[in-house]
Amino acid sequence: MNYLSREQLQEKLHLTEKQAKAFFFLPDLPVIKIGRKKLIAEETLDAWLEKHAAAGDTILLDYTRV
């Protein structure tokens, strides 16, 4: 299983640094926290994105926690 850091998530999804940071605070996206570092399992992210894309969801990011 491959885990993505903020930098890797930013590169994979072509996000700004702020958008990538905000992604880690989405309530329904499982994040692993090791010390201060947060990681997202790539398979989990892909499934999460497919679920929301299939539903036609708009993903709203909360920048107040970044």
N, C-alpha and C. Protein backbone atom coordinates (compact mmCIF):
# COMPACT_ATOMS: atom_id res chain seq x y z
N MET A 1 0.86 -1.18 0.00
CA MET A 1 0.00 0.00 0.00
C MET A 1 0.89 1.24 0.00
N ASN A 2 0.56 2.18 -0.85
CA ASN A 2 1.33 3.41 -0.99
C ASN A 2 0.61 4.54 -0.27
N TYR A 3 1.35 5.32 0.52
CA TYR A 3 0.78 6.45 1.25
C TYR A 3 1.32 7.75 0.67
N LEU A 4 0.43 8.74 0.57
CA LEU A 4 0.79 10.02 -0.02
C LEU A 4 0.93 11.10 1.05
N SER A 5 2.02 11.85 0.96
CA SER A 5 2.20 13.03 1.81
C SER A 5 1.47 14.20 1.16
N ARG A 6 1.48 15.34 1.81
CA ARG A 6 0.84 16.52 1.23
C ARG A 6 1.48 16.89 -0.10
N GLU A 7 2.79 16.81 -0.16
CA GLU A 7 3.49 17.17 -1.39
C GLU A 7 3.12 16.22 -2.53
N GLN A 8 3.04 14.94 -2.22
CA GLN A 8 2.69 13.96 -3.24
C GLN A 8 1.23 14.12 -3.70
N LEU A 9 0.34 14.40 -2.74
CA LEU A 9 -1.06 14.66 -3.07
C LEU A 9 -1.16 15.88 -3.98
N GLN A 10 -0.42 16.90 -3.65
CA GLN A 10 -0.41 18.14 -4.43
C GLN A 10 0.02 17.85 -5.87
N GLU A 11 1.05 17.05 -6.02
CA GLU A 11 1.55 16.70 -7.36
C GLU A 11 0.56 15.81 -8.11
N LYS A 12 0.01 14.81 -7.44
CA LYS A 12 -0.90 13.86 -8.08
C LYS A 12 -2.17 14.52 -8.60
N LEU A 13 -2.74 15.45 -7.80
CA LEU A 13 -4.01 16.07 -8.17
C LEU A 13 -3.86 17.48 -8.74
N HIS A 14 -2.62 17.93 -8.90
CA HIS A 14 -2.33 19.26 -9.45
C HIS A 14 -3.02 20.34 -8.61
N LEU A 15 -2.77 20.30 -7.31
CA LEU A 15 -3.36 21.25 -6.37
C LEU A 15 -2.33 22.29 -5.96
N THR A 16 -2.82 23.40 -5.45
CA THR A 16 -1.92 24.36 -4.82
C THR A 16 -1.55 23.81 -3.44
N GLU A 17 -0.56 24.39 -2.82
CA GLU A 17 -0.15 23.95 -1.49
C GLU A 17 -1.30 24.09 -0.49
N LYS A 18 -2.01 25.19 -0.57
CA LYS A 18 -3.13 25.43 0.35
C LYS A 18 -4.26 24.43 0.13
N GLN A 19 -4.57 24.13 -1.12
CA GLN A 19 -5.61 23.15 -1.42
C GLN A 19 -5.21 21.76 -0.89
N ALA A 20 -3.96 21.38 -1.09
CA ALA A 20 -3.49 20.08 -0.62
C ALA A 20 -3.57 19.99 0.90
N LYS A 21 -3.20 21.05 1.59
CA LYS A 21 -3.31 21.06 3.06
C LYS A 21 -4.76 20.92 3.50
N ALA A 22 -5.66 21.63 2.83
CA ALA A 22 -7.07 21.58 3.18
C ALA A 22 -7.67 20.19 2.94
N PHE A 23 -7.15 19.46 1.98
CA PHE A 23 -7.64 18.12 1.67
C PHE A 23 -7.55 17.21 2.88
N PHE A 24 -6.53 17.39 3.70
CA PHE A 24 -6.31 16.55 4.87
C PHE A 24 -7.33 16.81 5.98
N PHE A 25 -8.15 17.82 5.84
CA PHE A 25 -9.18 18.13 6.84
C PHE A 25 -10.59 17.79 6.37
N LEU A 26 -10.71 17.16 5.20
CA LEU A 26 -12.04 16.75 4.73
C LEU A 26 -12.58 15.69 5.70
N PRO A 27 -13.82 15.85 6.16
CA PRO A 27 -14.34 14.98 7.22
C PRO A 27 -14.52 13.52 6.83
N ASP A 28 -14.79 13.23 5.56
CA ASP A 28 -15.06 11.84 5.18
C ASP A 28 -13.89 11.17 4.46
N LEU A 29 -12.71 11.80 4.49
CA LEU A 29 -11.52 11.21 3.88
C LEU A 29 -10.60 10.70 4.98
N PRO A 30 -10.40 9.37 5.07
CA PRO A 30 -9.55 8.82 6.13
C PRO A 30 -8.09 9.24 5.97
N VAL A 31 -7.53 9.81 7.02
CA VAL A 31 -6.15 10.28 7.04
C VAL A 31 -5.42 9.58 8.17
N ILE A 32 -4.18 9.19 7.92
CA ILE A 32 -3.34 8.58 8.95
C ILE A 32 -2.41 9.66 9.46
N LYS A 33 -2.32 9.79 10.78
CA LYS A 33 -1.45 10.79 11.36
C LYS A 33 -0.34 10.08 12.13
N ILE A 34 0.90 10.37 11.78
CA ILE A 34 2.06 9.82 12.46
C ILE A 34 2.86 11.01 12.97
N GLY A 35 2.77 11.24 14.26
CA GLY A 35 3.37 12.45 14.83
C GLY A 35 2.66 13.65 14.25
N ARG A 36 3.40 14.52 13.61
CA ARG A 36 2.80 15.70 12.97
C ARG A 36 2.50 15.48 11.49
N LYS A 37 3.00 14.37 10.96
CA LYS A 37 2.85 14.09 9.53
C LYS A 37 1.51 13.40 9.26
N LYS A 38 0.81 13.87 8.24
CA LYS A 38 -0.45 13.27 7.82
C LYS A 38 -0.25 12.61 6.47
N LEU A 39 -0.84 11.42 6.33
CA LEU A 39 -0.73 10.66 5.09
C LEU A 39 -2.10 10.15 4.67
N ILE A 40 -2.27 9.94 3.38
CA ILE A 40 -3.49 9.37 2.83
C ILE A 40 -3.08 8.15 2.01
N ALA A 41 -3.75 7.03 2.25
CA ALA A 41 -3.49 5.83 1.45
C ALA A 41 -3.96 6.11 0.03
N GLU A 42 -3.09 5.84 -0.94
CA GLU A 42 -3.41 6.17 -2.33
C GLU A 42 -4.65 5.43 -2.82
N GLU A 43 -4.81 4.17 -2.43
CA GLU A 43 -5.98 3.39 -2.84
C GLU A 43 -7.26 3.98 -2.25
N THR A 44 -7.18 4.42 -1.01
CA THR A 44 -8.33 5.04 -0.34
C THR A 44 -8.70 6.35 -1.03
N LEU A 45 -7.70 7.14 -1.36
CA LEU A 45 -7.93 8.41 -2.06
C LEU A 45 -8.59 8.17 -3.41
N ASP A 46 -8.06 7.19 -4.16
CA ASP A 46 -8.62 6.90 -5.48
C ASP A 46 -10.09 6.47 -5.37
N ALA A 47 -10.40 5.61 -4.40
CA ALA A 47 -11.79 5.16 -4.20
C ALA A 47 -12.67 6.33 -3.79
N TRP A 48 -12.17 7.20 -2.93
CA TRP A 48 -12.91 8.36 -2.45
C TRP A 48 -13.22 9.30 -3.62
N LEU A 49 -12.22 9.54 -4.46
CA LEU A 49 -12.41 10.42 -5.61
C LEU A 49 -13.41 9.82 -6.60
N GLU A 50 -13.31 8.51 -6.85
CA GLU A 50 -14.25 7.85 -7.76
C GLU A 50 -15.68 7.94 -7.24
N LYS A 51 -15.85 7.74 -5.94
CA LYS A 51 -17.18 7.82 -5.32
C LYS A 51 -17.79 9.21 -5.52
N HIS A 52 -17.01 10.24 -5.26
CA HIS A 52 -17.51 11.60 -5.37
C HIS A 52 -17.68 12.03 -6.83
N ALA A 53 -16.82 11.54 -7.70
CA ALA A 53 -16.96 11.87 -9.12
C ALA A 53 -18.21 11.22 -9.70
N ALA A 54 -18.46 9.97 -9.32
CA ALA A 54 -19.64 9.25 -9.82
C ALA A 54 -20.93 9.92 -9.35
N ALA A 55 -20.89 10.49 -8.15
CA ALA A 55 -22.07 11.15 -7.60
C ALA A 55 -22.20 12.59 -8.13
N GLY A 56 -21.18 13.08 -8.81
CA GLY A 56 -21.22 14.45 -9.33
C GLY A 56 -21.05 15.49 -8.24
N ASP A 57 -20.40 15.08 -7.15
CA ASP A 57 -20.21 15.98 -6.01
C ASP A 57 -19.20 17.09 -6.31
N THR A 58 -19.43 18.23 -5.71
CA THR A 58 -18.46 19.31 -5.69
C THR A 58 -17.75 19.23 -4.35
N ILE A 59 -16.42 19.19 -4.37
CA ILE A 59 -15.66 19.07 -3.13
C ILE A 59 -15.31 20.47 -2.65
N LEU A 60 -15.85 20.83 -1.51
CA LEU A 60 -15.60 22.14 -0.92
C LEU A 60 -14.52 22.02 0.13
N LEU A 61 -13.47 22.80 -0.04
CA LEU A 61 -12.36 22.77 0.90
C LEU A 61 -12.51 23.87 1.93
N ASP A 62 -12.20 23.55 3.18
CA ASP A 62 -12.28 24.51 4.28
C ASP A 62 -10.87 25.03 4.54
N TYR A 63 -10.62 26.27 4.18
CA TYR A 63 -9.28 26.85 4.34
C TYR A 63 -9.05 27.45 5.72
N THR A 64 -10.05 27.42 6.59
CA THR A 64 -9.89 28.02 7.92
C THR A 64 -8.99 27.21 8.82
N ARG A 65 -8.79 25.92 8.52
CA ARG A 65 -7.98 25.05 9.36
C ARG A 65 -6.55 24.91 8.83
N VAL A 66 -6.25 25.53 7.70
CA VAL A 66 -4.94 25.38 7.06
C VAL A 66 -3.99 26.41 7.62
